[in-house]
Amino acid sequence: MKRLIRFSVAAFVLVGVLIFAAALAGGLTDDSAFTPAAREAAH
């Protein structure tokens, strides 16, 4: 049972890292998203 829990946590972390890497590679974290104009549009 402990092994299954440990595997689940490891798989969850791995998926999170892969999503984050894909976001960086795809430009989802583009610098233009953090400009003052973008912040005003978000409010």
PDB file of N, CA and C in Angstrom:
ATOM      1  N   MET A   1       0.827  -1.196   0.000  1.00  0.00           N
ATOM      2  CA  MET A   1       0.000   0.000   0.000  1.00  0.00           C
ATOM      3  C   MET A   1       0.868   1.256   0.000  1.00  0.00           C
ATOM      4  N   LYS A   2       1.932   1.215   0.829  1.00  0.00           N
ATOM      5  CA  LYS A   2       2.830   2.371   0.869  1.00  0.00           C
ATOM      6  C   LYS A   2       3.485   2.611  -0.482  1.00  0.00           C
ATOM      7  N   ARG A   3       3.809   1.520  -1.147  1.00  0.00           N
ATOM      8  CA  ARG A   3       4.463   1.636  -2.456  1.00  0.00           C
ATOM      9  C   ARG A   3       3.529   2.301  -3.466  1.00  0.00           C
ATOM     10  N   LEU A   4       2.243   1.978  -3.411  1.00  0.00           N
ATOM     11  CA  LEU A   4       1.256   2.563  -4.321  1.00  0.00           C
ATOM     12  C   LEU A   4       1.113   4.063  -4.064  1.00  0.00           C
ATOM     13  N   ILE A   5       1.081   4.453  -2.805  1.00  0.00           N
ATOM     14  CA  ILE A   5       0.973   5.871  -2.460  1.00  0.00           C
ATOM     15  C   ILE A   5       2.209   6.625  -2.937  1.00  0.00           C
ATOM     16  N   ARG A   6       3.374   6.034  -2.709  1.00  0.00           N
ATOM     17  CA  ARG A   6       4.623   6.677  -3.135  1.00  0.00           C
ATOM     18  C   ARG A   6       4.662   6.828  -4.653  1.00  0.00           C
ATOM     19  N   PHE A   7       4.209   5.810  -5.377  1.00  0.00           N
ATOM     20  CA  PHE A   7       4.170   5.872  -6.840  1.00  0.00           C
ATOM     21  C   PHE A   7       3.195   6.950  -7.316  1.00  0.00           C
ATOM     22  N   SER A   8       2.046   7.046  -6.656  1.00  0.00           N
ATOM     23  CA  SER A   8       1.046   8.048  -7.035  1.00  0.00           C
ATOM     24  C   SER A   8       1.593   9.457  -6.853  1.00  0.00           C
ATOM     25  N   VAL A   9       2.268   9.706  -5.748  1.00  0.00           N
ATOM     26  CA  VAL A   9       2.844  11.025  -5.490  1.00  0.00           C
ATOM     27  C   VAL A   9       3.919  11.332  -6.519  1.00  0.00           C
ATOM     28  N   ALA A  10       4.781  10.360  -6.806  1.00  0.00           N
ATOM     29  CA  ALA A  10       5.850  10.562  -7.787  1.00  0.00           C
ATOM     30  C   ALA A  10       5.269  10.837  -9.178  1.00  0.00           C
ATOM     31  N   ALA A  11       4.225  10.115  -9.549  1.00  0.00           N
ATOM     32  CA  ALA A  11       3.599  10.315 -10.854  1.00  0.00           C
ATOM     33  C   ALA A  11       2.954  11.702 -10.928  1.00  0.00           C
ATOM     34  N   PHE A  12       2.309  12.137  -9.851  1.00  0.00           N
ATOM     35  CA  PHE A  12       1.672  13.449  -9.820  1.00  0.00           C
ATOM     36  C   PHE A  12       2.703  14.559  -9.982  1.00  0.00           C
ATOM     37  N   VAL A  13       3.824  14.454  -9.270  1.00  0.00           N
ATOM     38  CA  VAL A  13       4.889  15.451  -9.363  1.00  0.00           C
ATOM     39  C   VAL A  13       5.470  15.464 -10.776  1.00  0.00           C
ATOM     40  N   LEU A  14       5.688  14.285 -11.344  1.00  0.00           N
ATOM     41  CA  LEU A  14       6.238  14.195 -12.692  1.00  0.00           C
ATOM     42  C   LEU A  14       5.312  14.847 -13.717  1.00  0.00           C
ATOM     43  N   VAL A  15       4.031  14.603 -13.608  1.00  0.00           N
ATOM     44  CA  VAL A  15       3.067  15.220 -14.532  1.00  0.00           C
ATOM     45  C   VAL A  15       3.088  16.736 -14.368  1.00  0.00           C
ATOM     46  N   GLY A  16       3.168  17.215 -13.125  1.00  0.00           N
ATOM     47  CA  GLY A  16       3.237  18.655 -12.889  1.00  0.00           C
ATOM     48  C   GLY A  16       4.463  19.283 -13.528  1.00  0.00           C
ATOM     49  N   VAL A  17       5.588  18.627 -13.393  1.00  0.00           N
ATOM     50  CA  VAL A  17       6.834  19.138 -13.989  1.00  0.00           C
ATOM     51  C   VAL A  17       6.731  19.147 -15.514  1.00  0.00           C
ATOM     52  N   LEU A  18       6.160  18.095 -16.079  1.00  0.00           N
ATOM     53  CA  LEU A  18       6.012  18.036 -17.538  1.00  0.00           C
ATOM     54  C   LEU A  18       5.086  19.133 -18.044  1.00  0.00           C
ATOM     55  N   ILE A  19       4.000  19.404 -17.323  1.00  0.00           N
ATOM     56  CA  ILE A  19       3.084  20.474 -17.731  1.00  0.00           C
ATOM     57  C   ILE A  19       3.786  21.824 -17.652  1.00  0.00           C
ATOM     58  N   PHE A  20       4.562  22.032 -16.588  1.00  0.00           N
ATOM     59  CA  PHE A  20       5.292  23.290 -16.431  1.00  0.00           C
ATOM     60  C   PHE A  20       6.321  23.467 -17.548  1.00  0.00           C
ATOM     61  N   ALA A  21       7.036  22.386 -17.888  1.00  0.00           N
ATOM     62  CA  ALA A  21       8.023  22.456 -18.964  1.00  0.00           C
ATOM     63  C   ALA A  21       7.342  22.732 -20.307  1.00  0.00           C
ATOM     64  N   ALA A  22       6.189  22.128 -20.534  1.00  0.00           N
ATOM     65  CA  ALA A  22       5.464  22.366 -21.775  1.00  0.00           C
ATOM     66  C   ALA A  22       4.976  23.811 -21.842  1.00  0.00           C
ATOM     67  N   ALA A  23       4.569  24.363 -20.700  1.00  0.00           N
ATOM     68  CA  ALA A  23       4.116  25.756 -20.674  1.00  0.00           C
ATOM     69  C   ALA A  23       5.268  26.700 -21.002  1.00  0.00           C
ATOM     70  N   LEU A  24       6.445  26.419 -20.455  1.00  0.00           N
ATOM     71  CA  LEU A  24       7.610  27.253 -20.753  1.00  0.00           C
ATOM     72  C   LEU A  24       7.994  27.144 -22.227  1.00  0.00           C
ATOM     73  N   ALA A  25       7.980  25.931 -22.740  1.00  0.00           N
ATOM     74  CA  ALA A  25       8.373  25.714 -24.131  1.00  0.00           C
ATOM     75  C   ALA A  25       7.353  26.327 -25.086  1.00  0.00           C
ATOM     76  N   GLY A  26       6.087  26.316 -24.691  1.00  0.00           N
ATOM     77  CA  GLY A  26       5.038  26.830 -25.558  1.00  0.00           C
ATOM     78  C   GLY A  26       4.829  28.326 -25.446  1.00  0.00           C
ATOM     79  N   GLY A  27       5.531  28.976 -24.540  1.00  0.00           N
ATOM     80  CA  GLY A  27       5.408  30.416 -24.401  1.00  0.00           C
ATOM     81  C   GLY A  27       4.188  30.858 -23.618  1.00  0.00           C
ATOM     82  N   LEU A  28       3.592  29.947 -22.862  1.00  0.00           N
ATOM     83  CA  LEU A  28       2.429  30.328 -22.062  1.00  0.00           C
ATOM     84  C   LEU A  28       2.821  31.301 -20.949  1.00  0.00           C
ATOM     85  N   THR A  29       4.100  31.258 -20.567  1.00  0.00           N
ATOM     86  CA  THR A  29       4.584  32.175 -19.543  1.00  0.00           C
ATOM     87  C   THR A  29       5.315  33.335 -20.212  1.00  0.00           C
ATOM     88  N   ASP A  30       4.739  33.841 -21.284  1.00  0.00           N
ATOM     89  CA  ASP A  30       5.319  34.941 -22.039  1.00  0.00           C
ATOM     90  C   ASP A  30       5.402  36.198 -21.181  1.00  0.00           C
ATOM     91  N   ASP A  31       6.479  36.953 -21.324  1.00  0.00           N
ATOM     92  CA  ASP A  31       6.674  38.161 -20.528  1.00  0.00           C
ATOM     93  C   ASP A  31       5.583  39.201 -20.763  1.00  0.00           C
ATOM     94  N   SER A  32       4.993  39.200 -21.930  1.00  0.00           N
ATOM     95  CA  SER A  32       3.956  40.199 -22.225  1.00  0.00           C
ATOM     96  C   SER A  32       2.727  40.005 -21.346  1.00  0.00           C
ATOM     97  N   ALA A  33       2.590  38.829 -20.742  1.00  0.00           N
ATOM     98  CA  ALA A  33       1.456  38.581 -19.859  1.00  0.00           C
ATOM     99  C   ALA A  33       1.598  39.336 -18.548  1.00  0.00           C
ATOM    100  N   PHE A  34       2.785  39.850 -18.262  1.00  0.00           N
ATOM    101  CA  PHE A  34       3.034  40.507 -16.981  1.00  0.00           C
ATOM    102  C   PHE A  34       3.250  42.012 -17.130  1.00  0.00           C
ATOM    103  N   THR A  35       2.768  42.593 -18.209  1.00  0.00           N
ATOM    104  CA  THR A  35       2.894  44.036 -18.401  1.00  0.00           C
ATOM    105  C   THR A  35       1.785  44.748 -17.636  1.00  0.00           C
ATOM    106  N   PRO A  36       1.971  46.027 -17.304  1.00  0.00           N
ATOM    107  CA  PRO A  36       0.919  46.781 -16.613  1.00  0.00           C
ATOM    108  C   PRO A  36      -0.407  46.776 -17.367  1.00  0.00           C
ATOM    109  N   ALA A  37      -0.357  46.845 -18.702  1.00  0.00           N
ATOM    110  CA  ALA A  37      -1.594  46.831 -19.490  1.00  0.00           C
ATOM    111  C   ALA A  37      -2.343  45.521 -19.311  1.00  0.00           C
ATOM    112  N   ALA A  38      -1.623  44.426 -19.230  1.00  0.00           N
ATOM    113  CA  ALA A  38      -2.267  43.130 -19.031  1.00  0.00           C
ATOM    114  C   ALA A  38      -2.887  43.054 -17.643  1.00  0.00           C
ATOM    115  N   ARG A  39      -2.229  43.637 -16.662  1.00  0.00           N
ATOM    116  CA  ARG A  39      -2.786  43.631 -15.307  1.00  0.00           C
ATOM    117  C   ARG A  39      -4.068  44.448 -15.249  1.00  0.00           C
ATOM    118  N   GLU A  40      -4.099  45.559 -15.952  1.00  0.00           N
ATOM    119  CA  GLU A  40      -5.308  46.396 -15.970  1.00  0.00           C
ATOM    120  C   GLU A  40      -6.451  45.653 -16.652  1.00  0.00           C
ATOM    121  N   ALA A  41      -6.168  44.921 -17.711  1.00  0.00           N
ATOM    122  CA  ALA A  41      -7.195  44.175 -18.423  1.00  0.00           C
ATOM    123  C   ALA A  41      -7.752  43.046 -17.550  1.00  0.00           C
ATOM    124  N   ALA A  42      -6.935  42.528 -16.653  1.00  0.00           N
ATOM    125  CA  ALA A  42      -7.369  41.419 -15.800  1.00  0.00           C
ATOM    126  C   ALA A  42      -8.317  41.890 -14.720  1.00  0.00           C
ATOM    127  N   HIS A  43      -8.272  43.156 -14.380  1.00  0.00           N
ATOM    128  CA  HIS A  43      -9.134  43.639 -13.290  1.00  0.00           C
ATOM    129  C   HIS A  43     -10.460  43.988 -13.820  1.00  0.00           C
TER     130      HIS A  43
END
